[in-house]
C-alpha cells in the first residue's frame, strides 16, 4: 500500500497518537499542521490558542500519559501547560513523527473523490495546491471556535467583554473589577486568577456544581476514583457524593447554588482553590446574568455588581471547517460519528479527539488511534476483514454513557463515559479479531 497515504489534520495529541499507530503498522501518512509546532492548544504561541498562564492539566500525570510513553516521574501530579507542551514535543521526537509533519499549512477543503479524498492545502507563502489521499483523519481539535452568548444590554456596557480564548495573562486583571461567567475548568481557573489579581472578583454560574478537590486522601482525584471503578455507577455516585459533602460541606453557605444533578453526571470540575477564595471573600459567587447597563451587571436573583471586565468562559463550538457540513449529522455542535470515530457512509474518513469524557484523554486518543490504524489496514487489505468492519460500523452503536443521566446541555450531548467507552472498544476489537494495543505494538513505531 506504498502508494496509498493517510492525511492527518492536526499535530496535537490526537493527531500524533494517530500517527504513531499508523507508523506501527507501516501505513504511510502526512500530518498537516496549521501552526509552526506540535501541541495543538497547548502551544500558547499558536494563534488562537486558548492557553493562559495558570493553566494546568485537570487529570493527573499518573492517569494522563500516552500508552507506553508515561509522563516524566519528576512532573508534579498536575503538570503545567508548559510541561504538557514539552511532553507532547518529546512524544513527537521519540517516535520520529516530526519528519512527517508539514507545518504552517492549513487544510482549506477536503472533498471526496471516487477512490479517496482531495485536500486543498495552503501555506503562508504559497498558493493553494491539491493533494490526494486514500484516507483522512480529522484531528484538528475542539477548542478553537468560541461559543460566545449574547448578554442582554451588552451594547450599553461600558467595560470590556471578551471570551476566555482571548484571556492569557493574569496581569491584565490588575486593578479591575472582573466578572467571570461559566463553571468549566478554565472558567474556574480564571476566576481564581481574578480572586488573586483583580480589585474585585465575581463568578457567575447558571446552576450549582459539584467541586472535586484535586487531591483526596493525598491521592490525585482521578487516581482515587479509579479505585472505585469496579462499583456500579449509582453506588459510585452515592459514595462519592457523600464524601464530597463531608469534605466541602454545604456550598450554599458560600453563595453557590445547590447542584441540580447527581455527582459524576456532569464534566468534573477539579479545583482546590476556588472554595478557598470564596471562604476568604476574595471572590463572590453570583447567579446567572439578567442584563447589563453601563458598568452594572444585574443578576437573575436580584443582586447586582459594578464591573469593568467580563470574561465569558462559555465553551467552544466544535467545527470541521474543511468538510462539507452534510458529511456528518450534527447535534448540539457535535459531529455524530460511530464510536466517536467512524462514518458509515464515508468509511475512509475518521475522527480522533472530538470527544468529551470524564477520564484521561490521551490514552483514549491512543485507543481511538489504534482502531483507526487497524481499520485502515483492513480496508487496504480488502477482503473479509474490511467487510466485517463495514458491517460493524453500520450496526447499532453501543451505549457510551455508562447509563449515567448527564446534565442536559450542549456540552453533555453525547458525553462519553470513559469506562463505558473502554468496554465498547474492547468488544469491538474482540468482534473484529484485533489484539489489544500494548507496549510491544507501540515499540514498532520507534
Protein backbone atom coordinates (compact mmCIF):
# COMPACT_ATOMS: atom_id res chain seq x y z
CA UNK A 1 0.00 0.00 0.00
CA UNK A 2 3.02 2.26 -0.53
CA UNK A 3 1.11 4.42 -2.99
CA UNK A 4 -1.86 4.89 -0.67
CA UNK A 5 -1.49 7.51 2.03
CA UNK A 6 -3.34 8.85 5.05
CA UNK A 7 -3.78 12.57 5.71
CA UNK A 8 -3.94 13.56 9.38
CA UNK A 9 -5.25 17.06 10.01
CA UNK A 10 -3.68 18.45 13.17
CA UNK A 11 -0.47 17.76 15.12
CA UNK A 12 -1.99 17.95 18.57
CA UNK A 13 -2.12 14.95 20.93
CA UNK A 14 -4.87 13.17 18.95
CA UNK A 15 -3.16 13.63 15.60
CA UNK A 16 0.20 12.49 16.95
CA UNK A 17 -1.37 9.45 18.63
CA UNK A 18 -2.91 8.53 15.28
CA UNK A 19 0.43 8.98 13.52
CA UNK A 20 2.17 6.68 15.98
CA UNK A 21 -0.40 3.93 15.47
CA UNK A 22 -0.16 4.23 11.68
CA UNK A 23 3.62 4.09 11.85
CA UNK A 24 3.46 0.92 13.94
CA UNK A 25 1.56 -0.72 11.07
CA UNK A 26 3.85 0.81 8.41
CA UNK A 27 0.99 2.81 6.87
CA UNK A 28 2.25 5.94 5.03
CA UNK A 29 0.87 9.24 6.31
CA UNK A 30 1.28 13.01 6.23
CA UNK A 31 0.30 15.37 9.04
CA UNK A 32 -0.85 18.88 8.16
CA UNK A 33 -0.47 21.40 10.97
CA UNK A 34 -1.57 24.99 10.52
CA UNK A 35 0.81 26.27 13.19
CA UNK A 36 4.58 26.14 13.48
CA UNK A 37 4.86 23.50 16.19
CA UNK A 38 3.14 20.43 17.61
CA UNK A 39 0.91 20.60 20.66
CA UNK A 40 -2.44 21.92 19.50
CA UNK A 41 -3.99 24.21 22.10
CA UNK A 42 -1.11 23.54 24.50
CA UNK A 43 1.20 25.57 22.30
CA UNK A 44 0.50 29.02 23.71
CA UNK A 45 2.46 30.63 20.86
CA UNK A 46 -0.03 29.37 18.28
CA UNK A 47 -2.52 31.93 17.03
CA UNK A 48 -5.96 31.23 18.51
CA UNK A 49 -4.70 29.05 21.36
CA UNK A 50 -6.88 29.43 24.49
CA UNK A 51 -3.90 28.82 26.79
CA UNK A 52 -3.39 31.07 29.81
CA UNK A 53 -0.52 31.27 32.26
CA UNK A 54 -2.08 29.39 35.18
CA UNK A 55 -3.48 26.50 33.09
CA UNK A 56 -2.65 23.01 34.35
CA UNK A 57 -3.87 19.56 33.37
CA UNK A 58 -7.07 18.62 35.19
CA UNK A 59 -6.26 14.91 35.03
CA UNK A 60 -3.19 13.69 36.85
CA UNK A 61 0.21 12.81 35.46
CA UNK A 62 -0.40 9.23 36.58
CA UNK A 63 -3.59 8.77 34.57
CA UNK A 64 -2.87 11.05 31.62
CA UNK A 65 0.20 9.97 29.69
CA UNK A 66 0.12 8.18 26.36
CA UNK A 67 0.23 4.38 26.37
CA UNK A 68 3.86 3.17 26.54
CA UNK A 69 5.06 6.75 26.97
CA UNK A 70 4.30 7.95 30.52
CA UNK A 71 4.85 11.48 31.67
CA UNK A 72 8.22 12.03 33.42
CA UNK A 73 8.46 10.98 37.06
CA UNK A 74 9.65 14.45 38.05
CA UNK A 75 6.45 16.07 36.78
CA UNK A 76 4.04 17.21 39.50
CA UNK A 77 0.69 15.49 40.00
CA UNK A 78 -0.95 18.15 37.78
CA UNK A 79 1.55 19.39 35.17
CA UNK A 80 1.59 22.97 33.93
CA UNK A 81 0.74 23.91 30.37
CA UNK A 82 4.44 24.39 29.59
CA UNK A 83 5.24 20.90 30.87
CA UNK A 84 2.41 19.40 28.82
CA UNK A 85 3.78 21.06 25.68
CA UNK A 86 7.27 19.72 26.45
CA UNK A 87 5.78 16.25 26.91
CA UNK A 88 3.95 16.43 23.56
CA UNK A 89 7.12 17.62 21.84
CA UNK A 90 9.13 14.76 23.37
CA UNK A 91 6.45 12.26 22.24
CA UNK A 92 6.71 13.50 18.65
CA UNK A 93 10.52 13.36 18.71
CA UNK A 94 10.72 9.95 20.38
CA UNK A 95 8.55 8.30 17.72
CA UNK A 96 10.10 10.16 14.78
CA UNK A 97 6.88 11.93 13.84
CA UNK A 98 8.26 15.40 13.14
CA UNK A 99 9.59 14.38 9.74
CA UNK A 100 6.03 13.52 8.67
CA UNK A 101 4.56 16.94 9.59
CA UNK A 102 4.02 19.77 7.14
CA UNK A 103 3.96 22.84 9.42
CA UNK A 104 2.38 26.25 8.79
CA UNK A 105 -0.04 24.64 6.36
CA UNK A 106 -3.80 24.99 6.50
CA UNK A 107 -6.19 22.42 5.11
CA UNK A 108 -8.82 24.56 3.43
CA UNK A 109 -11.07 22.00 1.74
CA UNK A 110 -11.46 18.22 1.97
CA UNK A 111 -13.52 16.78 -0.89
CA UNK A 112 -14.45 13.16 -1.50
CA UNK A 113 -13.30 11.60 -4.75
CA UNK A 114 -14.12 8.23 -6.31
CA UNK A 115 -11.26 6.44 -4.55
CA UNK A 116 -10.29 8.78 -1.72
CA UNK A 117 -10.05 12.43 -0.79
CA UNK A 118 -8.70 15.60 -2.38
CA UNK A 119 -7.20 18.09 0.08
CA UNK A 120 -6.72 21.73 -0.83
CA UNK A 121 -3.88 22.99 1.33
CA UNK A 122 -2.23 26.39 1.59
CA UNK A 123 0.95 27.67 3.22
CA UNK A 124 1.66 31.20 4.31
CA UNK A 125 3.96 31.80 1.36
CA UNK A 126 2.48 29.67 -1.42
CA UNK A 127 -0.84 29.45 -3.22
CA UNK A 128 -3.24 26.60 -2.57
CA UNK A 129 -2.43 23.19 -4.03
CA UNK A 130 -4.35 19.91 -4.15
CA UNK A 131 -3.11 16.62 -2.71
CA UNK A 132 -4.77 13.20 -2.94
CA UNK A 133 -5.09 10.72 -0.08
CA UNK A 134 -6.88 7.42 0.31
CA UNK A 135 -7.87 8.16 3.91
CA UNK A 136 -8.36 11.25 6.07
CA UNK A 137 -8.22 11.56 9.87
CA UNK A 138 -9.70 14.74 11.34
CA UNK A 139 -7.73 15.57 14.49
CA UNK A 140 -7.88 19.35 14.36
CA UNK A 141 -9.21 19.82 17.89
CA UNK A 142 -12.31 21.23 19.54
CA UNK A 143 -11.25 24.38 21.43
CA UNK A 144 -10.65 26.85 18.60
CA UNK A 145 -14.07 28.32 17.76
CA UNK A 146 -15.51 30.25 20.67
CA UNK A 147 -19.12 29.98 21.78
CA UNK A 148 -19.95 33.48 22.96
CA UNK A 149 -23.55 34.10 24.07
CA UNK A 150 -25.30 37.42 23.71
CA UNK A 151 -25.76 39.28 27.00
CA UNK A 152 -28.84 41.45 27.23
CA UNK A 153 -27.76 45.09 27.26
CA UNK A 154 -24.18 44.37 26.19
CA UNK A 155 -24.36 47.26 23.70
CA UNK A 156 -24.65 49.67 26.61
CA UNK A 157 -21.95 48.05 28.72
CA UNK A 158 -19.10 50.50 29.32
CA UNK A 159 -16.49 47.91 30.20
CA UNK A 160 -14.84 45.12 28.19
CA UNK A 161 -16.39 41.79 27.23
CA UNK A 162 -14.13 39.01 25.98
CA UNK A 163 -14.20 35.26 25.58
CA UNK A 164 -11.80 33.14 27.62
CA UNK A 165 -9.96 32.14 24.41
CA UNK A 166 -8.63 35.72 24.39
CA UNK A 167 -7.51 35.64 28.03
CA UNK A 168 -3.84 34.75 28.53
CA UNK A 169 -2.22 36.76 31.32
CA UNK A 170 -3.50 37.40 34.86
CA UNK A 171 -1.71 40.77 34.91
CA UNK A 172 -4.47 42.03 32.59
CA UNK A 173 -6.83 41.80 35.59
CA UNK A 174 -4.86 44.02 37.94
CA UNK A 175 -6.85 46.95 39.34
CA UNK A 176 -10.08 45.90 37.63
CA UNK A 177 -13.45 44.64 38.81
CA UNK A 178 -13.78 41.32 36.99
CA UNK A 179 -16.77 39.08 36.38
CA UNK A 180 -16.06 35.55 35.09
CA UNK A 181 -19.00 33.70 33.54
CA UNK A 182 -19.02 29.91 33.42
CA UNK A 183 -18.01 26.94 35.55
CA UNK A 184 -15.84 24.92 33.19
CA UNK A 185 -12.37 24.20 34.49
CA UNK A 186 -10.88 27.13 32.56
CA UNK A 187 -13.56 29.45 33.94
CA UNK A 188 -12.79 28.38 37.49
CA UNK A 189 -9.05 28.83 36.90
CA UNK A 190 -9.59 32.33 35.54
CA UNK A 191 -11.89 33.17 38.43
CA UNK A 192 -9.09 32.17 40.81
CA UNK A 193 -6.68 34.40 38.86
CA UNK A 194 -9.17 37.23 39.32
CA UNK A 195 -9.53 36.49 43.04
CA UNK A 196 -5.77 36.93 43.42
CA UNK A 197 -5.10 39.75 40.95
CA UNK A 198 -8.24 41.83 40.46
CA UNK A 199 -9.52 44.68 42.61
CA UNK A 200 -12.81 42.80 42.91
CA UNK A 201 -13.76 39.38 41.54
CA UNK A 202 -17.12 37.74 40.81
CA UNK A 203 -18.10 34.36 39.38
CA UNK A 204 -21.47 33.98 37.61
CA UNK A 205 -22.97 30.47 37.44
CA UNK A 206 -26.24 29.31 35.87
CA UNK A 207 -26.57 26.31 38.18
CA UNK A 208 -24.93 24.59 41.09
CA UNK A 209 -21.98 22.25 40.56
CA UNK A 210 -20.04 19.61 42.45
CA UNK A 211 -16.48 20.77 43.11
CA UNK A 212 -13.91 17.99 43.32
CA UNK A 213 -10.64 18.70 45.18
CA UNK A 214 -7.55 17.82 43.18
CA UNK A 215 -6.34 15.52 45.96
CA UNK A 216 -8.40 13.15 48.07
CA UNK A 217 -6.65 11.46 50.99
CA UNK A 218 -3.34 12.52 49.49
CA UNK A 219 -4.04 10.99 46.06
CA UNK A 220 -4.88 12.78 42.79
CA UNK A 221 -8.67 12.71 42.46
CA UNK A 222 -8.66 10.53 39.33
CA UNK A 223 -6.28 8.00 40.94
CA UNK A 224 -8.61 7.83 43.92
CA UNK A 225 -11.62 7.48 41.60
CA UNK A 226 -10.01 4.66 39.63
CA UNK A 227 -10.03 2.55 42.78
CA UNK A 228 -13.83 2.54 42.76
CA UNK A 229 -14.28 1.94 39.03
CA UNK A 230 -15.47 -1.63 39.72
CA UNK A 231 -18.55 -0.31 41.51
CA UNK A 232 -21.92 0.23 39.77
CA UNK A 233 -22.30 3.90 38.80
CA UNK A 234 -25.18 4.56 41.22
CA UNK A 235 -23.05 3.26 44.09
CA UNK A 236 -20.12 5.42 42.98
CA UNK A 237 -22.41 8.45 42.89
CA UNK A 238 -23.81 7.68 46.34
CA UNK A 239 -20.43 7.16 47.99
CA UNK A 240 -18.56 9.94 46.18
CA UNK A 241 -21.42 12.40 46.70
CA UNK A 242 -21.35 11.69 50.42
CA UNK A 243 -17.58 12.10 50.51
CA UNK A 244 -17.77 15.50 48.79
CA UNK A 245 -20.41 16.69 51.25
CA UNK A 246 -18.14 15.56 54.08
CA UNK A 247 -15.10 17.33 52.61
CA UNK A 248 -16.74 20.52 51.32
CA UNK A 249 -19.84 20.92 53.47
CA UNK A 250 -22.89 22.84 52.25
CA UNK A 251 -21.57 25.10 49.48
CA UNK A 252 -24.65 27.32 49.59
CA UNK A 253 -23.01 28.98 52.60
CA UNK A 254 -20.50 30.41 50.11
CA UNK A 255 -23.19 31.79 47.81
CA UNK A 256 -23.06 28.85 45.37
CA UNK A 257 -26.27 27.30 44.13
CA UNK A 258 -27.16 23.79 45.19
CA UNK A 259 -26.35 21.29 42.41
CA UNK A 260 -29.40 20.19 40.41
CA UNK A 261 -27.77 16.92 39.34
CA UNK A 262 -26.03 13.91 40.83
CA UNK A 263 -22.28 13.92 41.27
CA UNK A 264 -20.46 12.39 38.25
CA UNK A 265 -23.34 13.34 35.92
CA UNK A 266 -21.54 16.40 34.57
CA UNK A 267 -17.98 17.07 33.44
CA UNK A 268 -15.89 17.11 36.64
CA UNK A 269 -14.75 20.46 38.00
CA UNK A 270 -11.40 19.83 39.66
CA UNK A 271 -10.26 22.78 41.67
CA UNK A 272 -8.95 23.19 45.20
CA UNK A 273 -8.53 26.98 45.10
CA UNK A 274 -11.99 28.37 44.37
CA UNK A 275 -13.54 27.32 47.66
CA UNK A 276 -10.53 28.79 49.46
CA UNK A 277 -11.03 32.16 47.75
CA UNK A 278 -14.79 32.07 48.41
CA UNK A 279 -14.18 31.29 52.07
CA UNK A 280 -11.84 34.26 52.36
CA UNK A 281 -14.05 36.71 50.49
CA UNK A 282 -11.60 37.17 47.63
CA UNK A 283 -14.30 36.24 45.12
CA UNK A 284 -18.09 36.48 45.26
CA UNK A 285 -20.40 33.88 43.76
CA UNK A 286 -23.30 35.29 41.70
CA UNK A 287 -26.21 33.78 39.81
CA UNK A 288 -26.85 33.94 36.06
CA UNK A 289 -26.67 37.38 34.42
CA UNK A 290 -30.01 39.01 33.71
CA UNK A 291 -28.81 42.14 31.88
CA UNK A 292 -26.09 44.79 31.69
CA UNK A 293 -26.41 48.55 31.98
CA UNK A 294 -23.44 50.92 31.99
CA UNK A 295 -20.90 49.20 34.21
CA UNK A 296 -23.52 47.35 36.23
CA UNK A 297 -24.28 43.66 35.85
CA UNK A 298 -27.70 42.65 37.13
CA UNK A 299 -28.29 39.02 38.09
CA UNK A 300 -31.43 36.91 38.00
CA UNK A 301 -31.64 36.64 41.78
CA UNK A 302 -31.94 40.43 42.09
CA UNK A 303 -28.35 41.23 43.01
CA UNK A 304 -26.01 43.50 41.05
CA UNK A 305 -22.30 44.30 40.78
CA UNK A 306 -20.17 47.03 39.27
CA UNK A 307 -17.66 45.50 36.86
CA UNK A 308 -15.03 46.67 34.37
CA UNK A 309 -14.35 43.40 32.58
CA UNK A 310 -16.48 40.36 31.77
CA UNK A 311 -14.73 37.15 30.74
CA UNK A 312 -17.01 34.58 29.13
CA UNK A 313 -15.73 31.07 29.83
CA UNK A 314 -18.67 29.70 27.87
CA UNK A 315 -17.05 26.95 25.84
CA UNK A 316 -16.49 26.27 22.17
CA UNK A 317 -18.30 25.25 19.02
CA UNK A 318 -16.85 22.08 17.58
CA UNK A 319 -16.07 22.55 13.91
CA UNK A 320 -14.66 20.65 10.93
CA UNK A 321 -14.43 23.75 8.72
CA UNK A 322 -12.69 21.99 5.85
CA UNK A 323 -15.50 19.44 5.34
CA UNK A 324 -18.91 19.73 3.72
CA UNK A 325 -21.17 20.07 6.81
CA UNK A 326 -23.52 17.47 5.37
CA UNK A 327 -20.92 14.73 5.61
CA UNK A 328 -21.80 14.42 9.30
CA UNK A 329 -25.05 14.82 11.12
CA UNK A 330 -24.60 17.44 13.85
CA UNK A 331 -26.23 17.53 17.27
CA UNK A 332 -25.54 20.32 19.77
CA UNK A 333 -22.49 21.36 17.71
CA UNK A 334 -21.10 17.80 17.87
CA UNK A 335 -20.43 15.67 14.78
CA UNK A 336 -22.24 12.35 15.12
CA UNK A 337 -19.70 9.61 14.45
CA UNK A 338 -19.97 5.90 15.31
CA UNK A 339 -17.87 5.32 18.45
CA UNK A 340 -16.79 8.97 18.05
CA UNK A 341 -14.54 7.77 15.21
CA UNK A 342 -16.27 6.23 12.19
CA UNK A 343 -18.53 7.49 9.42
CA UNK A 344 -20.55 4.57 8.00
CA UNK A 345 -21.34 6.48 4.79
CA UNK A 346 -17.71 7.53 4.33
CA UNK A 347 -15.64 4.66 5.78
CA UNK A 348 -12.31 6.16 4.70
CA UNK A 349 -12.94 9.23 6.88
CA UNK A 350 -12.16 9.19 10.61
CA UNK A 351 -12.20 11.49 13.64
CA UNK A 352 -9.87 11.44 16.63
CA UNK A 353 -10.06 13.75 19.63
CA UNK A 354 -13.62 15.01 19.24
CA UNK A 355 -14.83 13.50 22.48
CA UNK A 356 -15.92 14.87 25.85
CA UNK A 357 -15.10 12.44 28.63
CA UNK A 358 -14.59 12.07 32.35
CA UNK A 359 -11.23 10.27 32.04
CA UNK A 360 -7.69 10.92 30.90
CA UNK A 361 -7.88 11.96 27.25
CA UNK A 362 -4.51 10.87 25.87
CA UNK A 363 -4.90 7.15 26.49
CA UNK A 364 -8.36 7.42 24.94
CA UNK A 365 -6.79 9.09 21.88
CA UNK A 366 -4.36 6.16 21.75
CA UNK A 367 -7.24 3.67 21.76
CA UNK A 368 -9.04 5.61 19.06
CA UNK A 369 -5.83 5.82 17.03
CA UNK A 370 -5.35 2.07 17.27
CA UNK A 371 -8.87 1.42 15.95
CA UNK A 372 -8.29 3.89 13.12
CA UNK A 373 -4.97 2.32 12.15
CA UNK A 374 -6.38 -1.22 12.25
CA UNK A 375 -9.39 -0.11 10.19
CA UNK A 376 -7.20 1.46 7.50
CA UNK A 377 -5.04 -1.66 7.43
CA UNK A 378 -8.14 -3.81 6.99
CA UNK A 379 -9.52 -1.56 4.23
CA UNK A 380 -6.19 -1.55 2.42
CA UNK A 381 -6.13 -5.34 2.52
CA UNK A 382 -9.73 -5.61 1.29
CA UNK A 383 -11.39 -9.00 1.67
CA UNK A 384 -13.33 -10.31 4.64
CA UNK A 385 -11.73 -8.09 7.37
CA UNK A 386 -12.86 -4.96 5.54
CA UNK A 387 -16.37 -6.36 5.04
CA UNK A 388 -16.61 -7.29 8.68
CA UNK A 389 -15.50 -3.79 9.73
CA UNK A 390 -18.02 -2.16 7.41
CA UNK A 391 -20.83 -4.28 8.81
CA UNK A 392 -19.83 -3.46 12.37
CA UNK A 393 -19.78 0.34 11.98
CA UNK A 394 -23.09 0.20 10.09
CA UNK A 395 -24.74 -1.60 13.01
CA UNK A 396 -26.20 -0.33 16.28
CA UNK A 397 -23.91 1.93 18.28
CA UNK A 398 -23.15 0.86 21.86
CA UNK A 399 -24.27 2.96 24.80
CA UNK A 400 -21.28 5.15 25.67
CA UNK A 401 -22.94 6.98 28.56
CA UNK A 402 -22.34 4.28 31.13
CA UNK A 403 -26.05 4.61 31.92
CA UNK A 404 -25.41 7.98 33.53
CA UNK A 405 -28.05 10.67 33.11
CA UNK A 406 -25.83 13.57 32.22
CA UNK A 407 -26.80 17.21 32.56
CA UNK A 408 -28.91 18.44 29.66
CA UNK A 409 -26.58 20.90 27.94
CA UNK A 410 -24.71 21.19 24.65
CA UNK A 411 -21.51 20.17 26.38
CA UNK A 412 -23.01 16.94 27.66
CA UNK A 413 -24.82 15.97 24.46
CA UNK A 414 -23.22 12.64 23.60
CA UNK A 415 -20.95 12.80 26.65
CA UNK A 416 -18.73 9.74 26.82
CA UNK A 417 -18.16 7.76 30.00
CA UNK A 418 -14.54 6.57 29.99
CA UNK A 419 -15.33 3.14 31.45
CA UNK A 420 -18.20 2.51 29.05
CA UNK A 421 -16.04 3.60 26.11
CA UNK A 422 -13.16 1.33 27.09
CA UNK A 423 -15.60 -1.58 27.34
CA UNK A 424 -17.14 -0.80 23.92
CA UNK A 425 -13.68 -0.60 22.32
CA UNK A 426 -12.70 -3.93 23.85
CA UNK A 427 -15.83 -5.58 22.47
CA UNK A 428 -15.16 -4.11 19.02
CA UNK A 429 -11.58 -5.41 19.00
CA UNK A 430 -12.72 -8.88 20.02
CA UNK A 431 -15.50 -8.92 17.43
CA UNK A 432 -13.06 -8.00 14.66
CA UNK A 433 -10.32 -10.28 15.90
CA UNK A 434 -7.88 -7.47 16.60
CA UNK A 435 -5.43 -7.83 19.50
CA UNK A 436 -5.25 -5.16 22.16
CA UNK A 437 -2.64 -2.45 21.66
CA UNK A 438 0.28 -2.85 24.06
CA UNK A 439 3.83 -1.68 24.68
CA UNK A 440 5.17 -4.10 22.07
CA UNK A 441 2.82 -2.68 19.44
CA UNK A 442 3.99 0.89 20.03
CA UNK A 443 7.61 -0.22 20.20
CA UNK A 444 7.24 -0.93 16.48
CA UNK A 445 6.69 2.79 15.90
CA UNK A 446 10.05 3.83 17.33
